[in-house]
Amino acid sequence: VGAGLVGVELAAELAHFMTDLKIVLINRGQDILPSMPEAAREYAQGWLESRGVELRLGQDVPVGKEVESLGIQGPSVVFACAGVRMRNDFMAGLNCCNLQGAVLVNRSMQVLCNEPLPDHVQERGSDVESATEESHKQSKSESEETNV
């Protein structure tokens, strides 16, 4: 249950390595991988369907009654891969999250904000940078002593 990143990966792994299983991927939303670009969603959906994964999209399933409510017959296992929520409330005032709540970053994993970062955040970043440089210098000098 759940067709986000975790649910789709689990279904794909099962479909690839356990080809004799009947796999049903259920999602409350109308699409799989809602946080991904449309091309990625279409590719993943085609890949899953080509391997016999049954997609049931737009279905709300009561927790604990998945098998009964979907009419699945015989032995079955339900993997709950839904309900994940971003835990970034501490960034609420920075205006740096997308509509799904994911923090926007560039290729260097630097947070992209529409407003300047508060001083205490910038100070913490420079502290980490200084500590990293000091640690690197110390490791380098210890390495040189070992090689002498």
N, C-alpha and C. Protein backbone atom coordinates (compact mmCIF):
# COMPACT_ATOMS: atom_id res chain seq x y z
N VAL A 1 0.86 -1.17 0.00
CA VAL A 1 0.00 0.00 0.00
C VAL A 1 0.90 1.23 0.00
N GLY A 2 0.73 2.08 -1.00
CA GLY A 2 1.53 3.29 -1.13
C GLY A 2 2.42 3.21 -2.35
N ALA A 3 2.29 4.16 -3.26
CA ALA A 3 3.06 4.15 -4.51
C ALA A 3 4.00 5.34 -4.60
N GLY A 4 4.62 5.68 -3.46
CA GLY A 4 5.68 6.66 -3.47
C GLY A 4 6.99 5.96 -3.77
N LEU A 5 8.09 6.57 -3.42
CA LEU A 5 9.40 6.00 -3.72
C LEU A 5 9.60 4.62 -3.10
N VAL A 6 9.23 4.46 -1.83
CA VAL A 6 9.45 3.19 -1.14
C VAL A 6 8.54 2.10 -1.70
N GLY A 7 7.25 2.40 -1.85
CA GLY A 7 6.31 1.40 -2.36
C GLY A 7 6.64 0.93 -3.76
N VAL A 8 7.00 1.86 -4.63
CA VAL A 8 7.34 1.50 -6.01
C VAL A 8 8.63 0.69 -6.06
N GLU A 9 9.63 1.09 -5.28
CA GLU A 9 10.88 0.31 -5.27
C GLU A 9 10.64 -1.10 -4.75
N LEU A 10 9.86 -1.23 -3.67
CA LEU A 10 9.58 -2.56 -3.13
C LEU A 10 8.86 -3.42 -4.16
N ALA A 11 7.83 -2.86 -4.80
CA ALA A 11 7.10 -3.61 -5.82
C ALA A 11 8.01 -4.01 -6.97
N ALA A 12 8.90 -3.11 -7.39
CA ALA A 12 9.82 -3.41 -8.50
C ALA A 12 10.80 -4.51 -8.12
N GLU A 13 11.35 -4.43 -6.90
CA GLU A 13 12.28 -5.48 -6.45
C GLU A 13 11.59 -6.84 -6.39
N LEU A 14 10.40 -6.88 -5.84
CA LEU A 14 9.66 -8.14 -5.77
C LEU A 14 9.35 -8.67 -7.16
N ALA A 15 8.91 -7.79 -8.06
CA ALA A 15 8.59 -8.20 -9.43
C ALA A 15 9.83 -8.73 -10.16
N HIS A 16 10.98 -8.13 -9.89
CA HIS A 16 12.22 -8.53 -10.56
C HIS A 16 12.76 -9.86 -10.03
N PHE A 17 12.79 -10.00 -8.70
CA PHE A 17 13.44 -11.16 -8.11
C PHE A 17 12.50 -12.31 -7.77
N MET A 18 11.21 -12.06 -7.69
CA MET A 18 10.24 -13.10 -7.34
C MET A 18 9.13 -13.09 -8.37
N THR A 19 9.46 -13.53 -9.55
CA THR A 19 8.57 -13.40 -10.70
C THR A 19 7.29 -14.22 -10.58
N ASP A 20 7.22 -15.16 -9.66
CA ASP A 20 6.01 -15.98 -9.51
C ASP A 20 4.99 -15.36 -8.55
N LEU A 21 5.31 -14.23 -7.93
CA LEU A 21 4.38 -13.57 -7.00
C LEU A 21 3.36 -12.73 -7.76
N LYS A 22 2.16 -12.66 -7.21
CA LYS A 22 1.16 -11.70 -7.70
C LYS A 22 1.34 -10.46 -6.85
N ILE A 23 1.69 -9.35 -7.48
CA ILE A 23 1.97 -8.10 -6.77
C ILE A 23 0.90 -7.08 -7.14
N VAL A 24 0.29 -6.51 -6.11
CA VAL A 24 -0.71 -5.47 -6.29
C VAL A 24 -0.20 -4.23 -5.58
N LEU A 25 -0.06 -3.14 -6.32
CA LEU A 25 0.40 -1.87 -5.76
C LEU A 25 -0.80 -0.93 -5.70
N ILE A 26 -1.14 -0.52 -4.48
CA ILE A 26 -2.33 0.30 -4.26
C ILE A 26 -1.91 1.68 -3.81
N ASN A 27 -2.58 2.70 -4.35
CA ASN A 27 -2.25 4.07 -3.96
C ASN A 27 -3.52 4.90 -3.87
N ARG A 28 -3.60 5.74 -2.85
CA ARG A 28 -4.73 6.65 -2.69
C ARG A 28 -4.78 7.66 -3.83
N GLY A 29 -3.63 8.13 -4.26
CA GLY A 29 -3.56 9.10 -5.35
C GLY A 29 -3.74 8.44 -6.70
N GLN A 30 -3.90 9.29 -7.72
CA GLN A 30 -4.14 8.80 -9.08
C GLN A 30 -2.86 8.41 -9.81
N ASP A 31 -1.70 8.76 -9.26
CA ASP A 31 -0.41 8.49 -9.91
C ASP A 31 0.50 7.73 -8.96
N ILE A 32 1.50 7.08 -9.54
CA ILE A 32 2.60 6.56 -8.73
C ILE A 32 3.69 7.63 -8.71
N LEU A 33 4.56 7.56 -7.75
CA LEU A 33 5.70 8.48 -7.63
C LEU A 33 5.29 9.95 -7.79
N PRO A 34 4.36 10.43 -6.98
CA PRO A 34 3.87 11.80 -7.19
C PRO A 34 4.92 12.89 -7.05
N SER A 35 6.03 12.62 -6.37
CA SER A 35 7.07 13.65 -6.20
C SER A 35 8.07 13.67 -7.35
N MET A 36 7.93 12.78 -8.30
CA MET A 36 8.88 12.68 -9.41
C MET A 36 8.34 13.36 -10.67
N PRO A 37 9.23 13.69 -11.61
CA PRO A 37 8.78 14.25 -12.89
C PRO A 37 7.88 13.27 -13.64
N GLU A 38 7.04 13.81 -14.49
CA GLU A 38 6.08 12.98 -15.22
C GLU A 38 6.76 11.86 -16.02
N ALA A 39 7.88 12.15 -16.65
CA ALA A 39 8.58 11.13 -17.45
C ALA A 39 9.01 9.95 -16.56
N ALA A 40 9.47 10.23 -15.36
CA ALA A 40 9.87 9.16 -14.44
C ALA A 40 8.67 8.34 -14.01
N ARG A 41 7.55 9.02 -13.74
CA ARG A 41 6.31 8.31 -13.35
C ARG A 41 5.85 7.38 -14.46
N GLU A 42 5.85 7.90 -15.69
CA GLU A 42 5.41 7.09 -16.82
C GLU A 42 6.33 5.89 -17.05
N TYR A 43 7.64 6.11 -16.95
CA TYR A 43 8.60 5.02 -17.14
C TYR A 43 8.38 3.94 -16.08
N ALA A 44 8.29 4.35 -14.81
CA ALA A 44 8.12 3.38 -13.72
C ALA A 44 6.81 2.62 -13.87
N GLN A 45 5.75 3.32 -14.22
CA GLN A 45 4.46 2.65 -14.37
C GLN A 45 4.51 1.62 -15.50
N GLY A 46 5.11 1.99 -16.62
CA GLY A 46 5.25 1.06 -17.74
C GLY A 46 6.09 -0.15 -17.36
N TRP A 47 7.18 0.08 -16.62
CA TRP A 47 8.06 -1.01 -16.20
C TRP A 47 7.30 -1.97 -15.30
N LEU A 48 6.59 -1.45 -14.32
CA LEU A 48 5.82 -2.30 -13.39
C LEU A 48 4.76 -3.09 -14.13
N GLU A 49 3.99 -2.43 -14.98
CA GLU A 49 2.92 -3.10 -15.72
C GLU A 49 3.47 -4.17 -16.66
N SER A 50 4.63 -3.92 -17.26
CA SER A 50 5.22 -4.91 -18.17
C SER A 50 5.67 -6.17 -17.45
N ARG A 51 5.81 -6.08 -16.14
CA ARG A 51 6.20 -7.24 -15.33
C ARG A 51 5.04 -7.80 -14.53
N GLY A 52 3.84 -7.40 -14.90
CA GLY A 52 2.64 -7.99 -14.30
C GLY A 52 2.19 -7.41 -12.98
N VAL A 53 2.76 -6.29 -12.57
CA VAL A 53 2.32 -5.67 -11.32
C VAL A 53 0.96 -5.01 -11.58
N GLU A 54 -0.02 -5.35 -10.76
CA GLU A 54 -1.35 -4.75 -10.89
C GLU A 54 -1.37 -3.44 -10.11
N LEU A 55 -1.73 -2.37 -10.79
CA LEU A 55 -1.81 -1.05 -10.15
C LEU A 55 -3.26 -0.72 -9.86
N ARG A 56 -3.53 -0.40 -8.61
CA ARG A 56 -4.86 0.05 -8.21
C ARG A 56 -4.70 1.47 -7.67
N LEU A 57 -4.93 2.42 -8.55
CA LEU A 57 -4.71 3.82 -8.21
C LEU A 57 -6.04 4.50 -7.88
N GLY A 58 -5.98 5.50 -7.01
CA GLY A 58 -7.18 6.22 -6.62
C GLY A 58 -8.04 5.45 -5.64
N GLN A 59 -7.45 4.55 -4.89
CA GLN A 59 -8.20 3.75 -3.92
C GLN A 59 -7.74 4.06 -2.51
N ASP A 60 -8.70 4.36 -1.66
CA ASP A 60 -8.42 4.58 -0.25
C ASP A 60 -8.67 3.24 0.45
N VAL A 61 -7.70 2.78 1.20
CA VAL A 61 -7.78 1.47 1.84
C VAL A 61 -7.74 1.65 3.35
N PRO A 62 -8.73 1.09 4.08
CA PRO A 62 -8.70 1.22 5.54
C PRO A 62 -7.53 0.44 6.14
N VAL A 63 -6.81 1.09 7.04
CA VAL A 63 -5.66 0.46 7.68
C VAL A 63 -6.12 -0.76 8.49
N GLY A 64 -5.41 -1.88 8.29
CA GLY A 64 -5.72 -3.10 9.00
C GLY A 64 -6.75 -3.98 8.30
N LYS A 65 -7.40 -3.45 7.27
CA LYS A 65 -8.41 -4.22 6.54
C LYS A 65 -8.12 -4.21 5.05
N GLU A 66 -6.85 -4.14 4.70
CA GLU A 66 -6.44 -4.03 3.30
C GLU A 66 -6.89 -5.24 2.49
N VAL A 67 -6.60 -6.44 2.98
CA VAL A 67 -6.88 -7.67 2.24
C VAL A 67 -8.39 -7.82 2.02
N GLU A 68 -9.17 -7.64 3.09
CA GLU A 68 -10.63 -7.81 2.98
C GLU A 68 -11.25 -6.76 2.06
N SER A 69 -10.85 -5.51 2.22
CA SER A 69 -11.47 -4.43 1.45
C SER A 69 -11.13 -4.51 -0.04
N LEU A 70 -10.04 -5.14 -0.38
CA LEU A 70 -9.64 -5.23 -1.78
C LEU A 70 -10.04 -6.55 -2.43
N GLY A 71 -10.59 -7.45 -1.63
CA GLY A 71 -11.05 -8.72 -2.17
C GLY A 71 -9.92 -9.65 -2.59
N ILE A 72 -8.78 -9.57 -1.93
CA ILE A 72 -7.65 -10.43 -2.26
C ILE A 72 -7.89 -11.80 -1.65
N GLN A 73 -7.77 -12.84 -2.45
CA GLN A 73 -8.01 -14.22 -2.00
C GLN A 73 -6.69 -14.93 -1.73
N GLY A 74 -6.69 -15.82 -0.75
CA GLY A 74 -5.53 -16.65 -0.46
C GLY A 74 -4.52 -15.95 0.44
N PRO A 75 -3.43 -16.65 0.71
CA PRO A 75 -2.40 -16.08 1.59
C PRO A 75 -1.83 -14.79 0.99
N SER A 76 -1.62 -13.82 1.84
CA SER A 76 -1.09 -12.55 1.34
C SER A 76 -0.34 -11.82 2.44
N VAL A 77 0.50 -10.91 2.01
CA VAL A 77 1.25 -10.05 2.92
C VAL A 77 1.04 -8.62 2.44
N VAL A 78 0.78 -7.72 3.39
CA VAL A 78 0.59 -6.32 3.06
C VAL A 78 1.77 -5.54 3.61
N PHE A 79 2.43 -4.78 2.74
CA PHE A 79 3.51 -3.89 3.15
C PHE A 79 2.97 -2.47 3.11
N ALA A 80 2.93 -1.83 4.26
CA ALA A 80 2.45 -0.45 4.34
C ALA A 80 3.61 0.49 4.04
N CYS A 81 3.53 1.16 2.91
CA CYS A 81 4.58 2.10 2.48
C CYS A 81 3.96 3.47 2.25
N ALA A 82 3.07 3.86 3.13
CA ALA A 82 2.36 5.13 2.97
C ALA A 82 2.40 5.92 4.28
N GLY A 83 2.10 7.18 4.16
CA GLY A 83 1.96 8.00 5.35
C GLY A 83 3.20 8.74 5.79
N VAL A 84 4.18 8.82 4.95
CA VAL A 84 5.40 9.54 5.31
C VAL A 84 5.15 11.03 5.19
N ARG A 85 5.64 11.77 6.16
CA ARG A 85 5.49 13.22 6.16
C ARG A 85 6.85 13.84 6.42
N MET A 86 7.15 14.89 5.70
CA MET A 86 8.41 15.60 5.91
C MET A 86 8.46 16.17 7.32
N ARG A 87 9.60 16.04 7.97
CA ARG A 87 9.77 16.58 9.32
C ARG A 87 10.70 17.78 9.25
N ASN A 88 10.18 18.88 8.75
CA ASN A 88 11.00 20.07 8.58
C ASN A 88 10.29 21.32 9.10
N ASP A 89 9.50 21.15 10.15
CA ASP A 89 8.78 22.29 10.72
C ASP A 89 9.71 23.41 11.15
N PHE A 90 10.94 23.07 11.54
CA PHE A 90 11.90 24.08 11.98
C PHE A 90 12.29 25.03 10.85
N MET A 91 11.97 24.68 9.60
CA MET A 91 12.32 25.51 8.46
C MET A 91 11.12 26.30 7.93
N ALA A 92 10.02 26.28 8.66
CA ALA A 92 8.76 26.87 8.17
C ALA A 92 8.92 28.33 7.74
N GLY A 93 9.66 29.13 8.48
CA GLY A 93 9.78 30.54 8.16
C GLY A 93 10.78 30.89 7.09
N LEU A 94 11.50 29.91 6.58
CA LEU A 94 12.57 30.20 5.61
C LEU A 94 12.09 30.19 4.16
N ASN A 95 10.89 29.68 3.89
CA ASN A 95 10.34 29.67 2.54
C ASN A 95 11.28 28.94 1.58
N CYS A 96 11.67 27.70 1.96
CA CYS A 96 12.60 26.94 1.11
C CYS A 96 12.12 25.50 0.88
N CYS A 97 10.80 25.28 0.93
CA CYS A 97 10.24 23.95 0.69
C CYS A 97 9.28 24.01 -0.49
N ASN A 98 9.15 22.89 -1.19
CA ASN A 98 8.19 22.85 -2.28
C ASN A 98 6.79 22.53 -1.73
N LEU A 99 5.81 22.36 -2.58
CA LEU A 99 4.44 22.14 -2.13
C LEU A 99 4.27 20.83 -1.37
N GLN A 100 5.12 19.84 -1.63
CA GLN A 100 5.06 18.57 -0.92
C GLN A 100 5.81 18.62 0.41
N GLY A 101 6.51 19.71 0.69
CA GLY A 101 7.24 19.85 1.93
C GLY A 101 8.70 19.47 1.85
N ALA A 102 9.17 19.08 0.67
CA ALA A 102 10.58 18.72 0.52
C ALA A 102 11.43 19.99 0.48
N VAL A 103 12.59 19.94 1.13
CA VAL A 103 13.50 21.07 1.16
C VAL A 103 14.16 21.21 -0.22
N LEU A 104 14.15 22.41 -0.76
CA LEU A 104 14.75 22.66 -2.07
C LEU A 104 16.26 22.82 -1.92
N VAL A 105 17.02 22.08 -2.71
CA VAL A 105 18.48 22.15 -2.66
C VAL A 105 19.03 22.21 -4.08
N ASN A 106 20.29 22.67 -4.20
CA ASN A 106 20.96 22.65 -5.49
C ASN A 106 21.77 21.37 -5.61
N ARG A 107 22.56 21.22 -6.66
CA ARG A 107 23.33 19.99 -6.86
C ARG A 107 24.39 19.75 -5.80
N SER A 108 24.77 20.80 -5.09
CA SER A 108 25.74 20.67 -4.01
C SER A 108 25.06 20.46 -2.66
N MET A 109 23.75 20.21 -2.70
CA MET A 109 22.94 19.99 -1.50
C MET A 109 22.89 21.21 -0.59
N GLN A 110 23.02 22.40 -1.17
CA GLN A 110 22.86 23.64 -0.42
C GLN A 110 21.39 24.04 -0.48
N VAL A 111 20.84 24.42 0.66
CA VAL A 111 19.44 24.79 0.74
C VAL A 111 19.19 26.06 -0.07
N LEU A 112 18.14 26.02 -0.87
CA LEU A 112 17.74 27.17 -1.68
C LEU A 112 16.58 27.87 -0.98
N CYS A 113 16.81 29.08 -0.51
CA CYS A 113 15.78 29.85 0.18
C CYS A 113 15.46 31.10 -0.61
N ASN A 114 14.23 31.54 -0.49
CA ASN A 114 13.82 32.79 -1.12
C ASN A 114 14.11 33.98 -0.22
N GLU A 115 14.59 33.70 0.99
CA GLU A 115 14.91 34.75 1.95
C GLU A 115 16.27 34.45 2.55
N PRO A 116 16.99 35.46 3.02
CA PRO A 116 18.31 35.21 3.62
C PRO A 116 18.19 34.34 4.86
N LEU A 117 19.18 33.50 5.08
CA LEU A 117 19.21 32.66 6.27
C LEU A 117 19.47 33.50 7.50
N PRO A 118 18.86 33.15 8.63
CA PRO A 118 19.15 33.88 9.87
C PRO A 118 20.62 33.74 10.25
N ASP A 119 21.15 34.72 11.02
CA ASP A 119 22.56 34.72 11.41
C ASP A 119 22.97 33.44 12.11
N HIS A 120 22.12 32.90 12.99
CA HIS A 120 22.52 31.71 13.74
C HIS A 120 22.71 30.50 12.83
N VAL A 121 21.98 30.44 11.71
CA VAL A 121 22.14 29.33 10.77
C VAL A 121 23.46 29.51 10.02
N GLN A 122 23.77 30.72 9.59
CA GLN A 122 25.02 30.96 8.89
C GLN A 122 26.21 30.71 9.80
N GLU A 123 26.10 31.09 11.07
CA GLU A 123 27.19 30.85 12.02
C GLU A 123 27.43 29.36 12.20
N ARG A 124 26.36 28.59 12.31
CA ARG A 124 26.51 27.14 12.48
C ARG A 124 27.22 26.55 11.28
N GLY A 125 26.85 27.01 10.10
CA GLY A 125 27.49 26.50 8.89
C GLY A 125 28.97 26.78 8.87
N SER A 126 29.39 27.99 9.28
CA SER A 126 30.80 28.33 9.28
C SER A 126 31.54 27.55 10.37
N ASP A 127 30.86 27.27 11.51
CA ASP A 127 31.47 26.44 12.55
C ASP A 127 31.79 25.05 12.03
N VAL A 128 30.84 24.48 11.30
CA VAL A 128 31.03 23.15 10.74
C VAL A 128 32.16 23.18 9.74
N GLU A 129 32.20 24.21 8.89
CA GLU A 129 33.25 24.33 7.89
C GLU A 129 34.62 24.43 8.57
N SER A 130 34.73 25.26 9.61
CA SER A 130 36.00 25.42 10.32
C SER A 130 36.42 24.11 10.98
N ALA A 131 35.47 23.43 11.60
CA ALA A 131 35.79 22.16 12.26
C ALA A 131 36.24 21.12 11.25
N THR A 132 35.62 21.11 10.09
CA THR A 132 36.00 20.17 9.03
C THR A 132 37.40 20.45 8.54
N GLU A 133 37.72 21.73 8.31
CA GLU A 133 39.07 22.10 7.86
C GLU A 133 40.11 21.72 8.91
N GLU A 134 39.84 21.98 10.19
CA GLU A 134 40.77 21.64 11.27
C GLU A 134 40.99 20.13 11.36
N SER A 135 39.90 19.37 11.24
CA SER A 135 39.99 17.91 11.27
C SER A 135 40.83 17.39 10.11
N HIS A 136 40.65 17.99 8.92
CA HIS A 136 41.40 17.58 7.74
C HIS A 136 42.90 17.87 7.94
N LYS A 137 43.22 19.06 8.49
CA LYS A 137 44.62 19.41 8.74
C LYS A 137 45.26 18.43 9.72
N GLN A 138 44.50 18.09 10.78
CA GLN A 138 45.02 17.18 11.79
C GLN A 138 45.27 15.79 11.20
N SER A 139 44.33 15.30 10.41
CA SER A 139 44.49 13.98 9.77
C SER A 139 45.70 13.97 8.85
N LYS A 140 45.89 15.07 8.12
CA LYS A 140 47.00 15.17 7.18
C LYS A 140 48.33 15.14 7.93
N SER A 141 48.43 15.89 9.05
CA SER A 141 49.69 15.92 9.80
C SER A 141 49.97 14.57 10.45
N GLU A 142 48.94 13.89 10.95
CA GLU A 142 49.13 12.55 11.52
C GLU A 142 49.59 11.56 10.46
N SER A 143 49.03 11.71 9.26
CA SER A 143 49.42 10.83 8.15
C SER A 143 50.89 11.05 7.76
N GLU A 144 51.32 12.30 7.76
CA GLU A 144 52.71 12.62 7.42
C GLU A 144 53.65 12.08 8.48
N GLU A 145 53.25 12.16 9.76
CA GLU A 145 54.10 11.62 10.84
C GLU A 145 54.24 10.11 10.72
N THR A 146 53.17 9.42 10.31
CA THR A 146 53.18 7.98 10.17
C THR A 146 54.10 7.54 9.03
N ASN A 147 54.15 8.34 7.96
CA ASN A 147 54.94 7.99 6.78
C ASN A 147 56.43 8.31 6.95
N VAL A 148 56.84 9.02 8.02
CA VAL A 148 58.24 9.41 8.20
C VAL A 148 59.04 8.26 8.75
